[in-house]
Protein backbone atom coordinates (compact mmCIF):
# COMPACT_ATOMS: atom_id res chain seq x y z
CA MET A 1 21.99 -11.12 -20.32
CA ASN A 2 23.10 -12.74 -17.14
CA GLU A 3 21.58 -15.51 -15.21
CA ARG A 4 20.08 -14.24 -11.91
CA THR A 5 18.43 -15.66 -8.72
CA SER A 6 15.19 -14.53 -7.24
CA TYR A 7 14.03 -15.18 -3.75
CA GLN A 8 10.42 -15.50 -2.91
CA ALA A 9 9.29 -16.00 0.56
CA SER A 10 6.32 -18.13 0.61
CA LYS A 11 4.36 -20.71 2.60
CA LEU A 12 6.02 -23.75 1.69
CA THR A 13 4.42 -26.86 3.67
CA VAL A 14 5.26 -30.38 4.07
CA ARG A 15 2.78 -33.31 3.52
CA ALA A 16 3.27 -37.14 4.51
CA GLU A 17 0.91 -39.42 3.33
CA GLN A 18 -0.30 -42.61 4.87
CA SER A 19 1.66 -44.54 2.10
CA GLY A 20 4.72 -43.01 3.89
CA GLU A 21 5.34 -40.67 1.17
CA LYS A 22 6.70 -37.27 1.68
CA TYR A 23 6.12 -33.98 -0.21
CA ILE A 24 7.22 -30.14 0.10
CA GLU A 25 4.80 -27.93 -1.83
CA GLY A 26 3.57 -24.20 -2.32
CA TYR A 27 4.13 -21.70 -4.49
CA PHE A 28 7.69 -21.29 -5.66
CA ALA A 29 7.29 -17.76 -7.26
CA VAL A 30 4.35 -15.35 -6.84
CA PHE A 31 3.16 -13.12 -10.19
CA GLU A 32 2.89 -9.20 -10.09
CA GLN A 33 4.37 -8.91 -6.52
CA GLU A 34 7.04 -6.72 -5.77
CA THR A 35 10.42 -8.52 -4.30
CA ALA A 36 13.20 -6.41 -2.86
CA LEU A 37 16.61 -6.96 -4.25
CA TYR A 38 18.31 -4.57 -2.70
CA GLU A 39 17.55 -1.10 -1.41
CA GLY A 40 16.15 0.88 -3.94
CA CYS A 41 15.45 -1.97 -6.64
CA PHE A 42 12.73 -4.32 -6.82
CA GLU A 43 11.52 -6.84 -9.05
CA LYS A 44 8.31 -8.27 -10.33
CA ILE A 45 7.49 -11.49 -12.02
CA ALA A 46 4.68 -11.58 -14.80
CA ARG A 47 2.25 -13.65 -15.17
CA GLY A 48 3.31 -16.00 -18.28
CA ALA A 49 6.95 -15.97 -17.15
CA PHE A 50 7.34 -19.68 -16.68
CA ASP A 51 5.00 -20.64 -19.76
CA ASP A 52 7.52 -21.48 -22.34
CA ALA A 53 10.01 -23.15 -19.46
CA LEU A 54 7.34 -25.38 -18.32
CA LYS A 55 6.52 -26.67 -21.67
CA SER A 56 10.10 -27.41 -22.96
CA ASN A 57 12.21 -28.23 -20.27
CA ASP A 58 13.44 -30.86 -17.72
CA ILE A 59 13.31 -28.77 -14.85
CA ARG A 60 15.07 -29.81 -11.50
CA CYS A 61 14.35 -28.45 -7.91
CA LEU A 62 17.77 -28.02 -6.48
CA PHE A 63 18.78 -27.27 -2.82
CA ASN A 64 20.99 -24.05 -2.50
CA HIS A 65 21.23 -24.07 -6.44
CA ASP A 66 23.64 -27.05 -6.39
CA THR A 67 23.20 -29.20 -9.19
CA GLY A 68 24.75 -31.94 -7.26
CA TYR A 69 21.78 -31.77 -4.72
CA VAL A 70 18.95 -32.41 -6.83
CA LEU A 71 15.57 -32.95 -4.92
CA GLY A 72 13.17 -33.58 -7.55
CA ARG A 73 12.73 -33.72 -11.51
CA THR A 74 9.93 -32.81 -13.86
CA GLY A 75 11.30 -35.52 -16.36
CA SER A 76 11.14 -38.20 -13.69
CA GLY A 77 8.04 -37.13 -12.27
CA THR A 78 9.28 -36.33 -8.96
CA LEU A 79 8.67 -32.77 -9.17
CA GLU A 80 5.15 -31.21 -10.54
CA LEU A 81 5.04 -27.69 -11.50
CA LYS A 82 2.14 -25.65 -12.62
CA THR A 83 0.93 -21.86 -12.99
CA ASP A 84 -2.43 -20.33 -12.06
CA ALA A 85 -3.51 -16.43 -11.64
CA HIS A 86 -1.31 -16.57 -8.19
CA GLY A 87 1.80 -17.82 -9.38
CA LEU A 88 4.13 -20.95 -9.87
CA TRP A 89 2.92 -23.72 -7.78
CA GLY A 90 5.12 -26.79 -7.14
CA ARG A 91 5.27 -29.90 -5.28
CA VAL A 92 8.43 -32.21 -4.87
CA LYS A 93 8.37 -35.87 -3.93
CA ILE A 94 11.14 -36.51 -1.09
CA ASN A 95 13.55 -39.45 -1.93
CA GLN A 96 13.16 -41.47 1.57
CA ASN A 97 16.57 -42.90 0.68
CA ASP A 98 18.40 -39.45 0.46
CA PRO A 99 19.49 -38.29 3.96
CA GLN A 100 19.67 -35.01 2.44
CA ALA A 101 16.38 -34.87 0.93
CA LEU A 102 14.96 -35.63 4.32
CA ALA A 103 17.18 -32.92 5.98
CA VAL A 104 15.45 -30.52 3.96
CA TYR A 105 11.83 -31.87 4.47
CA ALA A 106 12.55 -31.61 8.11
CA ARG A 107 13.67 -27.92 8.03
CA VAL A 108 10.78 -26.89 5.95
CA GLU A 109 8.39 -28.75 8.53
CA ARG A 110 10.11 -27.00 11.27
CA GLY A 111 9.90 -23.64 9.53
CA ASP A 112 13.58 -22.98 9.08
CA ILE A 113 12.88 -22.86 5.30
CA SER A 114 9.98 -20.82 4.20
CA GLY A 115 10.60 -20.07 0.62
CA CYS A 116 12.92 -20.54 -2.10
CA SER A 117 14.77 -19.23 -4.94
CA PHE A 118 14.88 -19.68 -8.71
CA GLY A 119 17.64 -19.22 -11.36
CA PHE A 120 16.62 -17.47 -14.51
CA THR A 121 17.88 -15.55 -17.33
CA PRO A 122 15.79 -12.31 -18.12
CA VAL A 123 14.58 -12.16 -21.87
CA LEU A 124 12.93 -8.55 -21.33
CA GLU A 125 13.71 -6.11 -18.59
CA SER A 126 12.90 -2.30 -18.07
CA TYR A 127 13.82 0.12 -15.41
CA GLU A 128 12.39 3.29 -14.02
């Protein structure tokens, strides 16, 4: 099966703490909600879809799927991911010494970026 990308429009938010640390957070994916891929084709993310990946991987938060543009990683503690009944929630700690990361933060803060996409390899698909 081929790797695919899914885009989820959500309400990403920014948060700045008094310590000066900055975060982007929100739901990176929502369960059981149809997303239009193209005319006549939709997909839904099942509850539990991320469970195995969250247990066994050092997941990276990338900007535009660019592996050279890492915003945070679960392995370094700069990316936090967890699931609940609604979906996959995440928070990435912005590197204050990285102008690209600060630019992404500013775009989310201004509302120019309001969602995210994620890459995945389907293990089970069905078509109707």
